[in-house]
Amino acid sequence: MIDSLEIFKKAEQLIQKAGTNNVMKIASYLGVKLYYGNYDNLLGMYTYKWKHRMIFLNSNLEDYMLQMVLAHEIGHDIFHRDLASNGLKEFALFNLKNITEYEANAFAAHILLKNEEVFNFVRDGYDVAQIASTLNSNINLLLIKMQEMNKMGFDLNVPYHPRSNFFRDVSTK
């Protein structure tokens, strides 16, 4: 398993190199090709074939969900390219019991949510639902971010555990 601090550092380095945390621009910066389609029961998928890095995205996703899915798939590109090149095309999306999925989720949380913003909202008395709403994030991704921040030395009260299947409830229609 990849260390929480290493995941955070990779995300921060990528944001700095790309000059943004906009995941569309990050994908372009990395040279990852994006393909959109009307996929049933598929939010996104990463694959690496013939030296081509590709992410397939469901074109029916709302913008905030597209951002989360793309950040997650970029996490697979950064950390799990070797798995994708060995024939594993589709990861079990957002399964928190699977180490590669958790790592991709943690990476997405670090790309999309800034430590300082989350910490400031917690300090100001916002609850997780208010913070998630204000930051236009899924509450489960925020909970992952807060768990990861705690692993890096923060002392945040994380009142719930993120649901392991939170992306399964996303409608693609």
Protein backbone atom coordinates (compact mmCIF):
# COMPACT_ATOMS: atom_id res chain seq x y z
CA MET A 1 0.00 0.00 0.00
CA ILE A 2 1.22 3.47 -0.87
CA ASP A 3 1.86 5.76 2.09
CA SER A 4 -0.68 8.58 2.62
CA LEU A 5 2.02 11.24 2.58
CA GLU A 6 3.38 9.91 -0.72
CA ILE A 7 -0.09 10.09 -2.32
CA PHE A 8 -0.49 13.65 -1.05
CA LYS A 9 2.97 14.68 -2.30
CA LYS A 10 2.32 13.19 -5.76
CA ALA A 11 -0.96 15.08 -6.00
CA GLU A 12 0.65 18.36 -4.89
CA GLN A 13 3.59 17.92 -7.28
CA LEU A 14 1.23 17.25 -10.17
CA ILE A 15 -0.87 20.32 -9.35
CA GLN A 16 2.29 22.42 -9.22
CA LYS A 17 3.72 21.03 -12.48
CA ALA A 18 0.42 21.35 -14.35
CA GLY A 19 -0.22 24.77 -12.81
CA THR A 20 -3.77 23.85 -11.85
CA ASN A 21 -5.95 21.35 -10.06
CA ASN A 22 -8.36 21.32 -13.01
CA VAL A 23 -8.45 17.62 -13.86
CA MET A 24 -9.14 18.20 -17.56
CA LYS A 25 -5.98 20.27 -17.82
CA ILE A 26 -4.05 17.77 -15.71
CA ALA A 27 -5.07 14.93 -18.04
CA SER A 28 -3.94 17.01 -21.01
CA TYR A 29 -0.67 17.88 -19.27
CA LEU A 30 -0.02 14.17 -18.64
CA GLY A 31 -0.87 13.22 -22.22
CA VAL A 32 -3.77 10.99 -21.17
CA LYS A 33 -6.41 10.75 -23.88
CA LEU A 34 -10.03 11.11 -22.79
CA TYR A 35 -12.89 9.29 -24.50
CA TYR A 36 -16.55 9.99 -23.75
CA GLY A 37 -19.48 7.70 -24.33
CA ASN A 38 -22.89 6.66 -23.09
CA TYR A 39 -21.70 3.69 -21.05
CA ASP A 40 -24.22 1.70 -19.03
CA ASN A 41 -23.06 1.09 -15.46
CA LEU A 42 -19.62 2.59 -16.10
CA LEU A 43 -18.56 5.92 -14.66
CA GLY A 44 -14.99 5.75 -15.86
CA MET A 45 -12.20 3.38 -16.74
CA TYR A 46 -8.44 3.67 -17.13
CA THR A 47 -6.35 1.55 -19.45
CA TYR A 48 -2.81 1.56 -20.77
CA LYS A 49 -2.29 -0.23 -24.08
CA TRP A 50 0.35 0.08 -26.77
CA LYS A 51 2.01 2.92 -24.84
CA HIS A 52 -1.25 4.88 -24.92
CA ARG A 53 -2.84 6.08 -21.70
CA MET A 54 -6.62 6.28 -22.02
CA ILE A 55 -9.51 7.18 -19.76
CA PHE A 56 -13.07 6.40 -20.77
CA LEU A 57 -15.68 8.64 -19.14
CA ASN A 58 -19.43 8.45 -19.07
CA SER A 59 -20.71 11.53 -20.90
CA ASN A 60 -23.90 11.57 -18.81
CA LEU A 61 -22.16 12.53 -15.55
CA GLU A 62 -22.79 15.84 -13.85
CA ASP A 63 -19.72 18.09 -13.87
CA TYR A 64 -18.80 17.63 -10.20
CA MET A 65 -19.02 13.84 -10.56
CA LEU A 66 -17.03 13.92 -13.79
CA GLN A 67 -14.30 15.81 -11.92
CA MET A 68 -14.19 13.15 -9.18
CA VAL A 69 -14.21 10.23 -11.60
CA LEU A 70 -11.50 11.76 -13.78
CA ALA A 71 -9.31 12.59 -10.76
CA HIS A 72 -9.76 8.99 -9.58
CA GLU A 73 -8.77 7.58 -12.98
CA ILE A 74 -5.74 9.88 -13.13
CA GLY A 75 -4.78 8.36 -9.79
CA HIS A 76 -4.75 4.96 -11.49
CA ASP A 77 -2.54 6.41 -14.23
CA ILE A 78 -0.08 7.74 -11.66
CA PHE A 79 0.02 4.75 -9.32
CA HIS A 80 -1.30 1.68 -11.15
CA ARG A 81 -0.26 1.94 -14.79
CA ASP A 82 1.62 -1.35 -14.49
CA LEU A 83 -1.58 -3.13 -13.45
CA ALA A 84 -3.50 -1.66 -16.38
CA SER A 85 -0.79 -2.72 -18.83
CA ASN A 86 -0.88 -6.31 -17.59
CA GLY A 87 -4.39 -6.81 -18.88
CA LEU A 88 -6.38 -5.24 -16.05
CA LYS A 89 -8.51 -2.77 -17.94
CA GLU A 90 -11.28 -1.94 -15.55
CA PHE A 91 -10.74 -1.42 -11.86
CA ALA A 92 -13.54 -2.20 -9.43
CA LEU A 93 -14.55 1.43 -9.32
CA PHE A 94 -14.50 3.11 -5.96
CA ASN A 95 -14.34 -0.06 -3.86
CA LEU A 96 -12.71 1.16 -0.66
CA LYS A 97 -11.87 -2.41 0.37
CA ASN A 98 -9.58 -2.68 -2.65
CA ILE A 99 -6.20 -1.05 -2.01
CA THR A 100 -5.78 0.30 -5.55
CA GLU A 101 -9.24 1.85 -5.42
CA TYR A 102 -8.62 3.46 -2.05
CA GLU A 103 -5.32 4.89 -3.31
CA ALA A 104 -7.03 6.34 -6.40
CA ASN A 105 -9.78 7.81 -4.19
CA ALA A 106 -7.22 9.35 -1.82
CA PHE A 107 -5.36 10.83 -4.80
CA ALA A 108 -8.62 12.27 -6.18
CA ALA A 109 -9.43 13.77 -2.78
CA HIS A 110 -6.00 15.44 -2.64
CA ILE A 111 -6.32 16.80 -6.18
CA LEU A 112 -9.79 18.22 -5.69
CA LEU A 113 -9.82 19.26 -2.01
CA LYS A 114 -7.19 21.48 -0.42
CA ASN A 115 -6.01 20.69 3.12
CA GLU A 116 -6.24 24.35 4.13
CA GLU A 117 -9.82 24.75 2.94
CA VAL A 118 -11.02 21.59 4.64
CA PHE A 119 -9.18 22.45 7.86
CA ASN A 120 -10.54 26.02 7.89
CA PHE A 121 -14.12 24.83 7.46
CA VAL A 122 -13.69 22.29 10.27
CA ARG A 123 -12.12 24.94 12.51
CA ASP A 124 -15.02 27.31 11.76
CA GLY A 125 -17.53 24.69 12.95
CA TYR A 126 -18.91 23.41 9.65
CA ASP A 127 -20.08 19.81 9.65
CA VAL A 128 -19.10 17.34 6.90
CA ALA A 129 -22.32 17.83 4.97
CA GLN A 130 -21.86 21.61 4.94
CA ILE A 131 -18.21 21.31 3.92
CA ALA A 132 -18.99 18.85 1.12
CA SER A 133 -21.78 21.07 -0.16
CA THR A 134 -19.64 24.21 -0.03
CA LEU A 135 -16.74 22.49 -1.82
CA ASN A 136 -19.08 20.84 -4.36
CA SER A 137 -17.84 17.40 -3.37
CA ASN A 138 -19.36 14.06 -2.58
CA ILE A 139 -19.44 13.67 1.20
CA ASN A 140 -17.65 10.33 0.98
CA LEU A 141 -14.73 11.85 -0.95
CA LEU A 142 -14.51 14.53 1.75
CA LEU A 143 -14.45 11.84 4.45
CA ILE A 144 -11.58 10.12 2.63
CA LYS A 145 -9.75 13.46 2.49
CA MET A 146 -10.25 13.98 6.21
CA GLN A 147 -9.05 10.45 7.00
CA GLU A 148 -5.97 11.04 4.88
CA MET A 149 -5.33 14.39 6.58
CA ASN A 150 -5.43 12.63 9.95
CA LYS A 151 -2.88 10.10 8.73
CA MET A 152 -0.63 13.07 7.91
CA GLY A 153 -0.88 14.53 11.42
CA PHE A 154 -4.07 16.58 11.47
CA ASP A 155 -6.48 15.95 14.31
CA LEU A 156 -9.89 16.12 12.65
CA ASN A 157 -13.02 14.52 14.00
CA VAL A 158 -14.18 12.26 11.19
CA PRO A 159 -17.70 11.41 12.34
CA TYR A 160 -18.45 8.75 9.74
CA HIS A 161 -16.61 6.23 7.62
CA PRO A 162 -16.97 6.74 3.88
CA ARG A 163 -19.33 4.26 2.28
CA SER A 164 -17.34 1.74 0.28
CA ASN A 165 -19.82 1.76 -2.58
CA PHE A 166 -20.70 5.45 -2.77
CA PHE A 167 -20.17 5.72 -6.51
CA ARG A 168 -22.52 2.84 -7.25
CA ASP A 169 -25.41 5.14 -6.37
CA VAL A 170 -24.48 7.58 -9.12
CA SER A 171 -26.94 7.60 -11.95
CA THR A 172 -25.52 7.72 -15.46
CA LYS A 173 -28.88 8.45 -17.04
